[in-house]
Protein backbone atom coordinates (compact mmCIF):
# COMPACT_ATOMS: atom_id res chain seq x y z
CA MET A 1 11.50 30.00 5.09
CA ARG A 2 12.71 27.49 7.34
CA LYS A 3 9.43 26.08 8.93
CA LEU A 4 8.22 25.94 5.10
CA VAL A 5 10.90 23.66 4.15
CA VAL A 6 10.70 21.76 7.40
CA LEU A 7 6.77 21.45 6.56
CA ALA A 8 7.82 20.22 2.68
CA ILE A 9 10.14 17.45 4.45
CA ALA A 10 7.74 16.00 6.82
CA ALA A 11 4.86 16.23 4.03
CA THR A 12 6.83 14.14 1.91
CA SER A 13 7.92 12.14 4.56
CA LEU A 14 4.12 10.99 4.99
CA LEU A 15 3.23 10.58 1.70
CA ALA A 16 6.57 8.10 0.86
CA ALA A 17 4.99 6.41 4.20
CA ALA A 18 1.42 6.00 2.90
CA CYS A 19 2.56 4.89 -0.44
CA ASN A 20 4.00 1.78 1.27
CA THR A 21 1.12 1.45 2.88
CA ILE A 22 -0.73 1.43 -0.08
CA GLU A 23 1.17 -1.30 -1.93
CA GLY A 24 1.50 -3.42 0.86
CA ALA A 25 -2.50 -3.63 1.37
CA GLY A 26 -2.65 -4.33 -2.57
CA LYS A 27 -0.28 -6.78 -2.27
CA ASP A 28 -2.45 -8.48 0.93
CA VAL A 29 -5.89 -8.30 -1.33
CA GLY A 30 -4.01 -9.71 -3.77
CA ALA A 31 -2.76 -12.46 -2.58
CA ALA A 32 -6.15 -13.15 -1.30
CA GLY A 33 -7.80 -13.22 -4.52
CA GLN A 34 -5.04 -15.35 -5.91
CA ALA A 35 -5.93 -17.50 -3.07
CA ILE A 36 -9.45 -17.27 -3.67
CA GLU A 37 -9.16 -18.34 -7.39
CA GLU A 38 -7.63 -21.43 -6.79
CA THR A 39 -9.87 -22.42 -4.27
CA ALA A 40 -12.72 -22.08 -6.88
CA GLN A 41 -11.00 -23.69 -9.55
CA ASP A 42 -10.53 -26.94 -6.56
CA ALA A 43 -14.38 -26.86 -6.12
CA LYS A 44 -15.26 -27.49 -9.98
């Protein structure tokens, strides 16, 4: 039973870390898209 609890806590920790990583990547992609959009507007 104790091993199951430890495994559940470890899995939850990994999922939380993955969510933060994906959120950061999403922000980076959004910032890159914004920069491209601004460059395209300047080129008009």
